[in-house]
Structure formats: C-alpha cells, structure tokens
C-alpha atoms as a PDB file:
ATOM      1  CA  ARG A   1       9.295 -14.484  10.589  1.00  0.00           C
ATOM      2  CA  PHE A   2       7.860 -11.547   8.686  1.00  0.00           C
ATOM      3  CA  ALA A   3       4.604 -13.394   8.016  1.00  0.00           C
ATOM      4  CA  ARG A   4       4.196 -14.423  11.669  1.00  0.00           C
ATOM      5  CA  GLN A   5       4.849 -10.887  12.879  1.00  0.00           C
ATOM      6  CA  SER A   6       2.460  -9.507  10.287  1.00  0.00           C
ATOM      7  CA  GLN A   7      -0.342 -11.812  11.381  1.00  0.00           C
ATOM      8  CA  ARG A   8       0.046 -10.635  14.972  1.00  0.00           C
ATOM      9  CA  ARG A   9       0.029  -7.023  13.816  1.00  0.00           C
ATOM     10  CA  PHE A  10      -3.079  -7.624  11.708  1.00  0.00           C
ATOM     11  CA  SER A  11      -5.015  -8.971  14.703  1.00  0.00           C
ATOM     12  CA  ARG A  12      -3.998  -5.985  16.839  1.00  0.00           C
ATOM     13  CA  SER A  13      -4.909  -3.539  14.096  1.00  0.00           C
ATOM     14  CA  PHE A  14      -8.349  -5.094  13.578  1.00  0.00           C
ATOM     15  CA  SER A  15      -9.006  -4.830  17.315  1.00  0.00           C
ATOM     16  CA  ALA A  16      -7.927  -1.209  17.353  1.00  0.00           C
ATOM     17  CA  MET A  17     -10.179  -0.320  14.427  1.00  0.00           C
ATOM     18  CA  SER A  18     -13.284  -1.227  16.384  1.00  0.00           C
ATOM     19  CA  GLY A  19     -12.707   1.844  18.538  1.00  0.00           C
ATOM     20  CA  GLN A  20     -11.971   4.317  15.742  1.00  0.00           C
ATOM     21  CA  ARG A  21     -14.096   7.411  15.503  1.00  0.00           C
ATOM     22  CA  LYS A  22     -14.374  10.223  13.046  1.00  0.00           C
ATOM     23  CA  THR A  23     -11.953  13.015  13.962  1.00  0.00           C
ATOM     24  CA  THR A  24     -12.171  15.406  10.985  1.00  0.00           C
ATOM     25  CA  PRO A  25     -15.560  17.145  10.729  1.00  0.00           C
ATOM     26  CA  PRO A  26     -16.797  17.383   7.138  1.00  0.00           C
ATOM     27  CA  ASP A  27     -18.268  20.405   5.479  1.00  0.00           C
ATOM     28  CA  ALA A  28     -21.559  21.204   7.180  1.00  0.00           C
ATOM     29  CA  ASN A  29     -23.315  22.120   3.893  1.00  0.00           C
ATOM     30  CA  PRO A  30     -22.095  19.752   1.180  1.00  0.00           C
ATOM     31  CA  THR A  31     -23.750  19.755  -2.245  1.00  0.00           C
ATOM     32  CA  GLY A  32     -24.662  16.178  -3.063  1.00  0.00           C
ATOM     33  CA  LYS A  33     -24.787  12.836  -1.318  1.00  0.00           C
ATOM     34  CA  VAL A  34     -22.322  12.364   1.557  1.00  0.00           C
ATOM     35  CA  ILE A  35     -20.857   8.904   2.182  1.00  0.00           C
ATOM     36  CA  THR A  36     -18.939   8.304   5.409  1.00  0.00           C
ATOM     37  CA  GLU A  37     -16.602   5.368   5.829  1.00  0.00           C
ATOM     38  CA  GLY A  38     -14.100   4.988   8.632  1.00  0.00           C
ATOM     39  CA  ARG A  39     -12.734   8.447   9.432  1.00  0.00           C
ATOM     40  CA  ALA A  40     -13.269   9.802   5.917  1.00  0.00           C
ATOM     41  CA  SER A  41     -16.264  11.103   4.019  1.00  0.00           C
ATOM     42  CA  ILE A  42     -16.800  11.859   0.344  1.00  0.00           C
ATOM     43  CA  VAL A  43     -19.365  13.898  -1.554  1.00  0.00           C
ATOM     44  CA  PHE A  44     -21.085  12.845  -4.750  1.00  0.00           C
ATOM     45  CA  PRO A  45     -22.568  15.921  -6.442  1.00  0.00           C
ATOM     46  CA  PRO A  46     -25.834  15.444  -8.344  1.00  0.00           C
ATOM     47  CA  GLY A  47     -25.203  13.616 -11.601  1.00  0.00           C
ATOM     48  CA  ASN A  48     -21.686  12.553 -10.611  1.00  0.00           C
ATOM     49  CA  LYS A  49     -20.690   9.303 -12.308  1.00  0.00           C
ATOM     50  CA  VAL A  50     -17.424   8.691 -10.429  1.00  0.00           C
ATOM     51  CA  PHE A  51     -17.322   5.038  -9.392  1.00  0.00           C
ATOM     52  CA  TYR A  52     -17.909   4.037  -5.782  1.00  0.00           C
ATOM     53  CA  ASN A  53     -18.437   0.428  -4.685  1.00  0.00           C
ATOM     54  CA  PRO A  54     -19.952   0.041  -1.195  1.00  0.00           C
ATOM     55  CA  ALA A  55     -19.271  -3.712  -1.303  1.00  0.00           C
ATOM     56  CA  GLN A  56     -15.546  -2.975  -1.016  1.00  0.00           C
ATOM     57  CA  VAL A  57     -15.738  -1.637   2.540  1.00  0.00           C
ATOM     58  CA  VAL A  58     -14.191  -4.835   3.946  1.00  0.00           C
ATOM     59  CA  ASN A  59     -11.457  -4.614   1.323  1.00  0.00           C
ATOM     60  CA  ARG A  60     -10.558  -1.091   2.400  1.00  0.00           C
ATOM     61  CA  ASP A  61     -10.737  -2.012   6.096  1.00  0.00           C
ATOM     62  CA  THR A  62      -8.314  -4.859   5.462  1.00  0.00           C
ATOM     63  CA  SER A  63      -5.903  -2.606   3.589  1.00  0.00           C
ATOM     64  CA  VAL A  64      -5.880  -0.066   6.427  1.00  0.00           C
ATOM     65  CA  CYS A  65      -5.080  -2.777   8.978  1.00  0.00           C
ATOM     66  CA  ALA A  66      -2.442  -4.339   6.746  1.00  0.00           C
ATOM     67  CA  ILE A  67      -0.612  -1.077   6.088  1.00  0.00           C
ATOM     68  CA  ASN A  68      -0.643  -0.185   9.782  1.00  0.00           C
ATOM     69  CA  ALA A  69       0.909  -3.574  10.542  1.00  0.00           C
ATOM     70  CA  PHE A  70       3.432  -3.182   7.733  1.00  0.00           C
ATOM     71  CA  ALA A  71       4.457   0.279   8.944  1.00  0.00           C
ATOM     72  CA  ALA A  72       4.933  -1.023  12.499  1.00  0.00           C
ATOM     73  CA  LEU A  73       7.241  -3.773  11.239  1.00  0.00           C
ATOM     74  CA  GLN A  74       9.239  -1.345   9.130  1.00  0.00           C
ATOM     75  CA  ILE A  75       9.658   1.008  12.073  1.00  0.00           C
ATOM     76  CA  GLU A  76      10.948  -1.852  14.243  1.00  0.00           C
ATOM     77  CA  GLU A  77      13.496  -2.839  11.593  1.00  0.00           C
ATOM     78  CA  SER A  78      14.559   0.789  11.028  1.00  0.00           C
ATOM     79  CA  ARG A  79      14.927   1.333  14.772  1.00  0.00           C
ATOM     80  CA  ALA A  80      17.207  -1.722  15.068  1.00  0.00           C
ATOM     81  CA  LYS A  81      19.370  -0.503  12.181  1.00  0.00           C
ATOM     82  CA  TYR A  82      19.500   2.968  13.739  1.00  0.00           C
ATOM     83  CA  GLN A  83      20.692   1.523  17.057  1.00  0.00           C
ATOM     84  CA  LYS A  84      23.420  -0.457  15.279  1.00  0.00           C
ATOM     85  CA  ARG A  85      24.534   2.695  13.501  1.00  0.00           C
ATOM     86  CA  LEU A  86      24.684   4.601  16.795  1.00  0.00           C
ATOM     87  CA  ASN A  87      26.751   1.821  18.365  1.00  0.00           C
ATOM     88  CA  ARG A  88      29.116   1.736  15.399  1.00  0.00           C
ATOM     89  CA  ASN A  89      29.620   5.503  15.484  1.00  0.00           C
ATOM     90  CA  HIS A  90      30.181   5.338  19.229  1.00  0.00           C
ATOM     91  CA  ARG A  91      32.883   2.696  18.850  1.00  0.00           C
ATOM     92  CA  ARG A  92      34.641   4.787  16.232  1.00  0.00           C
ATOM     93  CA  ALA A  93      34.530   7.823  18.506  1.00  0.00           C
ATOM     94  CA  GLN A  94      35.917   5.792  21.406  1.00  0.00           C
ATOM     95  CA  MET A  95      38.995   4.890  19.373  1.00  0.00           C
ATOM     96  CA  ASP A  96      39.945   8.578  19.261  1.00  0.00           C
ATOM     97  CA  THR A  97      39.557   9.226  22.999  1.00  0.00           C
ATOM     98  CA  SER A  98      41.620   8.304  26.035  1.00  0.00           C
ATOM     99  CA  ASP A  99      40.733   5.384  28.288  1.00  0.00           C
ATOM    100  CA  ASP A 100      39.534   7.752  31.021  1.00  0.00           C
ATOM    101  CA  ALA A 101      37.130   9.484  28.687  1.00  0.00           C
ATOM    102  CA  LYS A 102      35.577   6.334  27.247  1.00  0.00           C
ATOM    103  CA  SER A 103      31.936   5.685  28.006  1.00  0.00           C
ATOM    104  CA  THR A 104      29.303   3.061  27.348  1.00  0.00           C
ATOM    105  CA  PRO A 105      26.727   3.764  24.606  1.00  0.00           C
ATOM    106  CA  HIS A 106      23.128   4.179  25.666  1.00  0.00           C
ATOM    107  CA  ALA A 107      21.527   0.806  24.899  1.00  0.00           C
ATOM    108  CA  ASP A 108      18.099   2.387  24.377  1.00  0.00           C
ATOM    109  CA  ALA A 109      19.173   5.463  22.455  1.00  0.00           C
ATOM    110  CA  ALA A 110      17.164   4.418  19.400  1.00  0.00           C
ATOM    111  CA  ALA A 111      14.132   3.580  21.542  1.00  0.00           C
ATOM    112  CA  ASP A 112      14.135   7.113  22.974  1.00  0.00           C
ATOM    113  CA  ALA A 113      14.597   8.782  19.584  1.00  0.00           C
ATOM    114  CA  PRO A 114      11.563  10.077  17.656  1.00  0.00           C
ATOM    115  CA  VAL A 115      10.504   7.919  14.730  1.00  0.00           C
ATOM    116  CA  SER A 116      11.248  10.734  12.273  1.00  0.00           C
ATOM    117  CA  ASP A 117      14.960  10.454  13.120  1.00  0.00           C
ATOM    118  CA  PHE A 118      15.306   7.041  11.489  1.00  0.00           C
ATOM    119  CA  TYR A 119      12.128   6.401   9.477  1.00  0.00           C
ATOM    120  CA  PRO A 120      11.128   8.722   6.597  1.00  0.00           C
ATOM    121  CA  GLY A 121       7.549   7.482   6.347  1.00  0.00           C
ATOM    122  CA  LEU A 122       5.557   5.673   3.674  1.00  0.00           C
ATOM    123  CA  HIS A 123       5.033   6.812   0.097  1.00  0.00           C
ATOM    124  CA  ILE A 124       1.796   5.195  -1.075  1.00  0.00           C
ATOM    125  CA  LEU A 125       0.345   5.028  -4.570  1.00  0.00           C
ATOM    126  CA  GLU A 126      -3.369   4.540  -5.126  1.00  0.00           C
ATOM    127  CA  ALA A 127      -3.150   3.870  -8.832  1.00  0.00           C
ATOM    128  CA  LEU A 128      -6.891   3.800  -9.627  1.00  0.00           C
ATOM    129  CA  ALA A 129      -8.439   6.146  -7.101  1.00  0.00           C
ATOM    130  CA  ALA A 130     -11.877   7.079  -8.534  1.00  0.00           C
ATOM    131  CA  SER A 131     -13.394   9.012  -5.582  1.00  0.00           C
ATOM    132  CA  GLY A 132     -10.190   9.003  -3.493  1.00  0.00           C
ATOM    133  CA  LEU A 133     -11.986   7.477  -0.512  1.00  0.00           C
ATOM    134  CA  ARG A 134      -9.276   4.883   0.088  1.00  0.00           C
ATOM    135  CA  SER A 135      -6.513   7.491   0.265  1.00  0.00           C
ATOM    136  CA  LEU A 136      -8.593   9.743   2.499  1.00  0.00           C
ATOM    137  CA  ARG A 137      -8.965   6.850   4.907  1.00  0.00           C
ATOM    138  CA  TYR A 138      -5.257   6.074   4.715  1.00  0.00           C
ATOM    139  CA  ILE A 139      -4.138   9.600   5.567  1.00  0.00           C
ATOM    140  CA  GLN A 140      -6.446   9.740   8.605  1.00  0.00           C
ATOM    141  CA  GLU A 141      -6.168   6.172   9.891  1.00  0.00           C
ATOM    142  CA  ILE A 142      -2.495   5.351   9.245  1.00  0.00           C
ATOM    143  CA  GLU A 143       0.459   7.032  10.916  1.00  0.00           C
ATOM    144  CA  HIS A 144       3.907   7.785   9.506  1.00  0.00           C
ATOM    145  CA  ILE A 145       2.836   8.558   5.941  1.00  0.00           C
ATOM    146  CA  ARG A 146       5.193  10.712   3.907  1.00  0.00           C
ATOM    147  CA  GLN A 147       3.018  11.112   0.834  1.00  0.00           C
ATOM    148  CA  ILE A 148       0.046   9.545  -0.942  1.00  0.00           C
ATOM    149  CA  THR A 149      -0.152   9.825  -4.715  1.00  0.00           C
ATOM    150  CA  ILE A 150      -3.849   9.656  -5.650  1.00  0.00           C
ATOM    151  CA  ASN A 151      -4.087   8.879  -9.342  1.00  0.00           C
ATOM    152  CA  ASP A 152      -6.903   8.497 -11.832  1.00  0.00           C
ATOM    153  CA  LEU A 153      -7.091   8.707 -15.606  1.00  0.00           C
ATOM    154  CA  ASP A 154     -10.441  10.532 -15.609  1.00  0.00           C
ATOM    155  CA  PRO A 155     -10.071  14.336 -15.153  1.00  0.00           C
ATOM    156  CA  VAL A 156     -13.552  14.489 -13.617  1.00  0.00           C
ATOM    157  CA  ALA A 157     -12.491  11.935 -11.014  1.00  0.00           C
ATOM    158  CA  VAL A 158      -9.381  13.971 -10.157  1.00  0.00           C
ATOM    159  CA  GLN A 159     -11.537  17.071  -9.679  1.00  0.00           C
ATOM    160  CA  ASN A 160     -13.824  15.062  -7.419  1.00  0.00           C
ATOM    161  CA  ILE A 161     -10.808  13.805  -5.436  1.00  0.00           C
ATOM    162  CA  GLN A 162      -9.689  17.386  -4.767  1.00  0.00           C
ATOM    163  CA  ARG A 163     -13.244  18.311  -3.782  1.00  0.00           C
ATOM    164  CA  ASN A 164     -13.346  15.420  -1.322  1.00  0.00           C
ATOM    165  CA  ILE A 165      -9.986  16.442   0.161  1.00  0.00           C
ATOM    166  CA  ASP A 166     -11.375  19.932   0.784  1.00  0.00           C
ATOM    167  CA  HIS A 167     -14.603  18.483   2.152  1.00  0.00           C
ATOM    168  CA  ASN A 168     -12.781  16.522   4.878  1.00  0.00           C
ATOM    169  CA  GLN A 169     -11.150  19.711   6.205  1.00  0.00           C
ATOM    170  CA  LEU A 170      -7.891  17.976   6.964  1.00  0.00           C
ATOM    171  CA  PRO A 171      -5.184  19.709   8.997  1.00  0.00           C
ATOM    172  CA  GLU A 172      -2.633  21.425   6.798  1.00  0.00           C
ATOM    173  CA  GLY A 173       0.027  18.893   7.708  1.00  0.00           C
ATOM    174  CA  LEU A 174      -2.123  16.031   6.379  1.00  0.00           C
ATOM    175  CA  SER A 175      -3.607  17.688   3.297  1.00  0.00           C
ATOM    176  CA  ALA A 176      -0.096  18.613   2.111  1.00  0.00           C
ATOM    177  CA  LYS A 177       0.750  14.892   1.961  1.00  0.00           C
ATOM    178  CA  LEU A 178      -2.006  14.174  -0.575  1.00  0.00           C
ATOM    179  CA  ALA A 179      -1.006  14.573  -4.220  1.00  0.00           C
ATOM    180  CA  PRO A 180      -3.840  14.044  -6.760  1.00  0.00           C
ATOM    181  CA  THR A 181      -2.557  13.238 -10.250  1.00  0.00           C
ATOM    182  CA  ASN A 182      -4.257  12.780 -13.618  1.00  0.00           C
ATOM    183  CA  ALA A 183      -2.219  10.123 -15.412  1.00  0.00           C
ATOM    184  CA  ASP A 184      -2.334   6.674 -16.922  1.00  0.00           C
ATOM    185  CA  ALA A 185      -1.692   4.250 -14.056  1.00  0.00           C
ATOM    186  CA  VAL A 186       0.657   2.001 -16.036  1.00  0.00           C
ATOM    187  CA  GLN A 187       2.731   4.920 -17.302  1.00  0.00           C
ATOM    188  CA  LEU A 188       2.919   6.454 -13.824  1.00  0.00           C
ATOM    189  CA  MET A 189       4.159   3.194 -12.294  1.00  0.00           C
ATOM    190  CA  TYR A 190       6.735   2.695 -15.053  1.00  0.00           C
ATOM    191  CA  GLU A 191       8.064   6.197 -14.374  1.00  0.00           C
ATOM    192  CA  HIS A 192       8.766   5.126 -10.783  1.00  0.00           C
ATOM    193  CA  ARG A 193      10.298   1.759 -11.559  1.00  0.00           C
ATOM    194  CA  GLN A 194      13.796   0.886 -10.436  1.00  0.00           C
ATOM    195  CA  SER A 195      15.773  -0.859 -13.150  1.00  0.00           C
ATOM    196  CA  ALA A 196      18.147  -3.760 -12.531  1.00  0.00           C
ATOM    197  CA  LEU A 197      21.057  -1.423 -13.274  1.00  0.00           C
ATOM    198  CA  ASP A 198      19.863   1.022 -10.614  1.00  0.00           C
ATOM    199  CA  ARG A 199      19.489  -1.815  -8.085  1.00  0.00           C
ATOM    200  CA  ASN A 200      22.960  -3.216  -8.804  1.00  0.00           C
ATOM    201  CA  ASN A 201      24.644   0.178  -8.599  1.00  0.00           C
ATOM    202  CA  LYS A 202      22.386   1.334  -5.759  1.00  0.00           C
ATOM    203  CA  ALA A 203      21.984   4.576  -7.645  1.00  0.00           C
ATOM    204  CA  PRO A 204      18.961   6.790  -6.940  1.00  0.00           C
ATOM    205  CA  THR A 205      16.511   7.099  -9.812  1.00  0.00           C
ATOM    206  CA  ALA A 206      14.806  10.298 -10.895  1.00  0.00           C
ATOM    207  CA  ARG A 207      11.573   9.106  -9.297  1.00  0.00           C
ATOM    208  CA  GLN A 208      11.954   6.771  -6.357  1.00  0.00           C
ATOM    209  CA  PRO A 209       9.842   3.574  -6.204  1.00  0.00           C
ATOM    210  CA  PHE A 210       6.792   3.555  -3.978  1.00  0.00           C
ATOM    211  CA  ASP A 211       6.797   1.910  -0.559  1.00  0.00           C
ATOM    212  CA  ILE A 212       3.231   0.682  -1.111  1.00  0.00           C
ATOM    213  CA  VAL A 213       1.248   0.247  -4.312  1.00  0.00           C
ATOM    214  CA  ASP A 214      -2.500  -0.229  -3.918  1.00  0.00           C
ATOM    215  CA  LEU A 215      -4.158  -1.603  -7.033  1.00  0.00           C
ATOM    216  CA  ASP A 216      -7.954  -1.926  -7.037  1.00  0.00           C
ATOM    217  CA  PRO A 217      -9.156  -1.991 -10.656  1.00  0.00           C
ATOM    218  CA  TYR A 218     -12.641  -2.498 -12.010  1.00  0.00           C
ATOM    219  CA  GLY A 219     -12.178  -6.093 -13.147  1.00  0.00           C
ATOM    220  CA  SER A 220      -8.870  -7.860 -13.659  1.00  0.00           C
ATOM    221  CA  PRO A 221      -5.533  -6.381 -12.475  1.00  0.00           C
ATOM    222  CA  ALA A 222      -3.610  -8.380 -15.106  1.00  0.00           C
ATOM    223  CA  ILE A 223      -2.711  -5.448 -17.382  1.00  0.00           C
ATOM    224  CA  TYR A 224      -1.214  -3.514 -14.439  1.00  0.00           C
ATOM    225  CA  LEU A 225       0.899  -6.223 -12.832  1.00  0.00           C
ATOM    226  CA  ASP A 226       4.077  -5.788 -14.885  1.00  0.00           C
ATOM    227  CA  ALA A 227       4.335  -2.102 -13.980  1.00  0.00           C
ATOM    228  CA  CYS A 228       3.155  -2.792 -10.428  1.00  0.00           C
ATOM    229  CA  VAL A 229       5.946  -5.194  -9.430  1.00  0.00           C
ATOM    230  CA  GLN A 230       8.585  -2.840 -10.887  1.00  0.00           C
ATOM    231  CA  SER A 231       7.352   0.357  -9.254  1.00  0.00           C
ATOM    232  CA  VAL A 232       7.454  -0.872  -5.643  1.00  0.00           C
ATOM    233  CA  ALA A 233      10.642  -0.548  -3.580  1.00  0.00           C
ATOM    234  CA  PRO A 234      12.470  -3.719  -2.463  1.00  0.00           C
ATOM    235  CA  GLY A 235      10.625  -4.991   0.594  1.00  0.00           C
ATOM    236  CA  GLY A 236       7.621  -2.843  -0.282  1.00  0.00           C
ATOM    237  CA  LEU A 237       3.986  -3.860   0.074  1.00  0.00           C
ATOM    238  CA  LEU A 238       1.639  -4.569  -2.823  1.00  0.00           C
ATOM    239  CA  CYS A 239      -2.111  -4.612  -2.247  1.00  0.00           C
ATOM    240  CA  VAL A 240      -3.748  -6.147  -5.320  1.00  0.00           C
ATOM    241  CA  THR A 241      -7.481  -6.647  -5.743  1.00  0.00           C
ATOM    242  CA  ALA A 242      -9.181  -8.625  -8.508  1.00  0.00           C
ATOM    243  CA  THR A 243     -12.920  -8.213  -9.013  1.00  0.00           C
ATOM    244  CA  ASP A 244     -13.272 -10.613 -11.958  1.00  0.00           C
ATOM    245  CA  GLY A 245     -14.375 -13.413  -9.656  1.00  0.00           C
ATOM    246  CA  ALA A 246     -16.535 -15.096 -12.285  1.00  0.00           C
ATOM    247  CA  ILE A 247     -13.563 -15.494 -14.640  1.00  0.00           C
ATOM    248  CA  LEU A 248     -11.294 -16.745 -11.853  1.00  0.00           C
ATOM    249  CA  CYS A 249     -13.939 -19.294 -10.820  1.00  0.00           C
ATOM    250  CA  GLY A 250     -14.237 -20.923 -14.243  1.00  0.00           C
ATOM    251  CA  ARG A 251     -16.600 -18.862 -16.339  1.00  0.00           C
ATOM    252  CA  GLY A 252     -14.703 -18.116 -19.534  1.00  0.00           C
ATOM    253  CA  PRO A 253     -11.609 -20.330 -19.204  1.00  0.00           C
ATOM    254  CA  ASP A 254     -10.063 -18.917 -22.401  1.00  0.00           C
ATOM    255  CA  LEU A 255     -10.213 -15.403 -20.975  1.00  0.00           C
ATOM    256  CA  ALA A 256      -8.810 -16.623 -17.655  1.00  0.00           C
ATOM    257  CA  PHE A 257      -5.875 -18.260 -19.438  1.00  0.00           C
ATOM    258  CA  SER A 258      -5.137 -15.116 -21.445  1.00  0.00           C
ATOM    259  CA  ARG A 259      -5.060 -13.024 -18.254  1.00  0.00           C
ATOM    260  CA  TYR A 260      -3.425 -15.385 -15.757  1.00  0.00           C
ATOM    261  CA  GLN A 261      -1.820 -18.176 -17.862  1.00  0.00           C
ATOM    262  CA  ALA A 262      -3.793 -20.761 -15.900  1.00  0.00           C
ATOM    263  CA  MET A 263      -7.003 -22.741 -16.368  1.00  0.00           C
ATOM    264  CA  PRO A 264      -9.592 -22.341 -13.586  1.00  0.00           C
ATOM    265  CA  ILE A 265     -11.590 -25.224 -12.122  1.00  0.00           C
ATOM    266  CA  ARG A 266     -15.359 -24.884 -11.880  1.00  0.00           C
ATOM    267  CA  SER A 267     -15.818 -26.335  -8.427  1.00  0.00           C
ATOM    268  CA  PRO A 268     -18.059 -24.835  -5.723  1.00  0.00           C
ATOM    269  CA  LYS A 269     -15.571 -25.957  -3.072  1.00  0.00           C
ATOM    270  CA  TYR A 270     -12.256 -24.920  -4.577  1.00  0.00           C
ATOM    271  CA  CYS A 271     -12.875 -22.260  -7.226  1.00  0.00           C
ATOM    272  CA  HIS A 272     -12.238 -19.279  -4.926  1.00  0.00           C
ATOM    273  CA  GLU A 273      -8.989 -20.699  -3.583  1.00  0.00           C
ATOM    274  CA  MET A 274      -7.949 -21.586  -7.121  1.00  0.00           C
ATOM    275  CA  GLY A 275      -8.685 -18.019  -8.207  1.00  0.00           C
ATOM    276  CA  LEU A 276      -6.439 -16.623  -5.470  1.00  0.00           C
ATOM    277  CA  ARG A 277      -3.653 -19.008  -6.443  1.00  0.00           C
ATOM    278  CA  MET A 278      -3.977 -17.975 -10.083  1.00  0.00           C
ATOM    279  CA  VAL A 279      -3.512 -14.306  -9.177  1.00  0.00           C
ATOM    280  CA  LEU A 280      -0.565 -15.084  -6.891  1.00  0.00           C
ATOM    281  CA  GLY A 281       1.044 -17.295  -9.519  1.00  0.00           C
ATOM    282  CA  THR A 282       0.777 -14.553 -12.130  1.00  0.00           C
ATOM    283  CA  LEU A 283       2.329 -12.058  -9.731  1.00  0.00           C
ATOM    284  CA  GLU A 284       5.199 -14.411  -8.892  1.00  0.00           C
ATOM    285  CA  ARG A 285       5.987 -15.107 -12.545  1.00  0.00           C
ATOM    286  CA  THR A 286       5.838 -11.405 -13.343  1.00  0.00           C
ATOM    287  CA  ALA A 287       8.178 -10.537 -10.463  1.00  0.00           C
ATOM    288  CA  ASN A 288      10.621 -13.312 -11.431  1.00  0.00           C
ATOM    289  CA  ARG A 289      11.232 -11.651 -14.802  1.00  0.00           C
ATOM    290  CA  TYR A 290      12.916  -8.771 -13.001  1.00  0.00           C
ATOM    291  CA  GLY A 291      14.920 -10.717 -10.435  1.00  0.00           C
ATOM    292  CA  ARG A 292      12.267 -10.312  -7.753  1.00  0.00           C
ATOM    293  CA  TYR A 293       9.906 -12.569  -5.831  1.00  0.00           C
ATOM    294  CA  ILE A 294       6.832 -12.157  -3.636  1.00  0.00           C
ATOM    295  CA  GLU A 295       6.058 -13.194  -0.067  1.00  0.00           C
ATOM    296  CA  PRO A 296       2.259 -13.493   0.402  1.00  0.00           C
ATOM    297  CA  LEU A 297       1.082 -12.164   3.756  1.00  0.00           C
ATOM    298  CA  LEU A 298      -2.695 -12.359   3.457  1.00  0.00           C
ATOM    299  CA  SER A 299      -5.059 -13.549   0.721  1.00  0.00           C
ATOM    300  CA  LEU A 300      -8.832 -13.163   0.926  1.00  0.00           C
ATOM    301  CA  SER A 301     -11.726 -14.151  -1.300  1.00  0.00           C
ATOM    302  CA  ILE A 302     -14.875 -12.252  -0.352  1.00  0.00           C
ATOM    303  CA  ASP A 303     -17.962 -12.440  -2.581  1.00  0.00           C
ATOM    304  CA  PHE A 304     -16.740 -11.601  -6.100  1.00  0.00           C
ATOM    305  CA  THR A 305     -13.494 -10.030  -4.891  1.00  0.00           C
ATOM    306  CA  SER A 306     -10.037 -11.489  -4.381  1.00  0.00           C
ATOM    307  CA  GLU A 307      -7.492  -9.453  -2.427  1.00  0.00           C
ATOM    308  CA  SER A 308      -3.833 -10.346  -1.965  1.00  0.00           C
ATOM    309  CA  LEU A 309      -1.327  -8.530   0.242  1.00  0.00           C
ATOM    310  CA  PHE A 310       2.299  -9.425  -0.227  1.00  0.00           C
ATOM    311  CA  VAL A 311       5.840  -8.111   0.028  1.00  0.00           C
ATOM    312  CA  CYS A 312       7.907  -7.801  -3.159  1.00  0.00           C
ATOM    313  CA  MET A 313      11.607  -8.603  -2.616  1.00  0.00           C
ATOM    314  CA  ASN A 314      14.734  -8.614  -4.762  1.00  0.00           C
ATOM    315  CA  GLN A 315      16.301 -12.017  -5.266  1.00  0.00           C
ATOM    316  CA  PRO A 316      19.710 -12.319  -3.544  1.00  0.00           C
END
C-alpha cells in the first residue's frame, strides 16, 4: 500500500516540479561563479575546491520529489491518528456528561486543523553536504521541514555552506531551520541512533533519530550504511546514492565483494540492475542486524550512479 501510494505521489511531484520557479533572489554581487539549480543557487569563490557534481542534477530532482511524496504520506497518516485521538477524547468526555448534553464529534475536525497541530515536520540529515546545494533545494522546495542538519567533515566546506545560505537570502523562518555542522558523518549518525533498548522501552534518547537521512558519498556508501540504518527513525526514509558504478558493474569483483558481500556480473544487459540489487541486499542485511528491515520505494541507475529510496522499519 505504501509503495503504491508513493508511486502516485512521485508522479504528481514530478509534474509539479515542471512549474517551479526561483522565489528567493540571490545576492546581486556575488564573488565567484554562481550555479543555480531548482530554487537554490550557490557561489564558488575563485580557487574554491569544494566538490560539486553537475551530473547529479537528476539525482537531486528525484530526492526532492521523493521527500515531498513521503511527507504527504506521513501527513495523511498523522491526520488519521489525530482524528482517532479526537474521537477517543470525545467519547471519554461524553461519559461524564448527561444524555441531553451529549453531542456528535465533528467528523472532519482533523481535516480542518492546521498541519502543525498533529505533524511536527521532518528532520533531515544531509550527511555529506559539500556545497550544501541539496539542502538549500530541500528547504525551498519541500514543505513541513522542522530542521535540516547540513554536515561535512571539511571545515572549508562548512564555511562555504554558510556562505551559500547567506547568498540565497532566505526568510528568517527558513534560514533558522538550517544547521550546518562540521563532524564525521559516521560519528554524527551514531550519536543519533536509537538502540534496541530505547525502542523496546519507548524511551526518548538524548538525540532523536532523523526522519530522513540523505547519503550521497563520493564513491561507495558501504562504510556509512551501518550508522545510516541505525540513525533513521522507524518508518523513516533513507536516500542512498552509490557512484561506484564501475565496481558494481563488474570491474574489480574482489573490491565489490569486500564492499557489498556479493559478486557482480559483467553483462551489458544486467550489470546495472545487479548493481542496484547488490546495494539493496547490503542495506537489508545491515538493517536485519538491528531488528529492522527495508521497504524499497524507488531504485534508479543513471549513468554511473545508483540511487535507492526506501523506508526503514522495525521488525514486529
């Protein structure tokens, strides 16, 4: 059911994106090369070596559409739970009143309520941000975001991220939701993991898991997957990109086995599909170690890039 609804949401989101326009004017006199993508723009000062890959535009477009669809589904589920809670509270109140004073609950009370009453918004982690372009697009093209943690290990990259945030001249309400951090991605995700003990006791942890983890490394995501599947909340969305397409398609089978515990097939017809299945299989095995499993929603192989979007769930 979730996958079918998600596919419908994806198609609507892609259609809506065709009419998007830039709404936040950038700095009129930037120093360096300005790159505009979607509703966001970034500045590369002269001599800046922060990584930017123009071939990943489709990847970022897909992630924007997917997260919009995911948020819409979460809002629908939260609204239904909110309506049930209103009905339950109404029934309890009716037990304490006389028959003359009893009334019927408003069937559409949740539908009339603002989303903020029952949905706190998304907390997104961009673990390997580089220029921060992806997060700048997210904050301007996706609604109902509570916070975006924009992380990179390179201090120069973090400075550039803050410069790009200022360059986009975001409204105060949006810029306050962006939190650049300078940390090791694996360590940061482990700090937000929810242990099995926390899940069983339903106890809040010091740092709550993320609703969405976006992982787009330079090369293989293998070294990040263990922390990734632990740092996302139950039912949260993982967006994982692998850019080691040559390895996944059979060049260097020993290296592929060490990363993904699978041997690729060098076949022009099937190597890309096999590469996607290798990444998904590694993610599933990693999640199973912690009593979790994944539900793939969308998997794409474009040029040298493989992107997988899936929900990470706790096993019953």
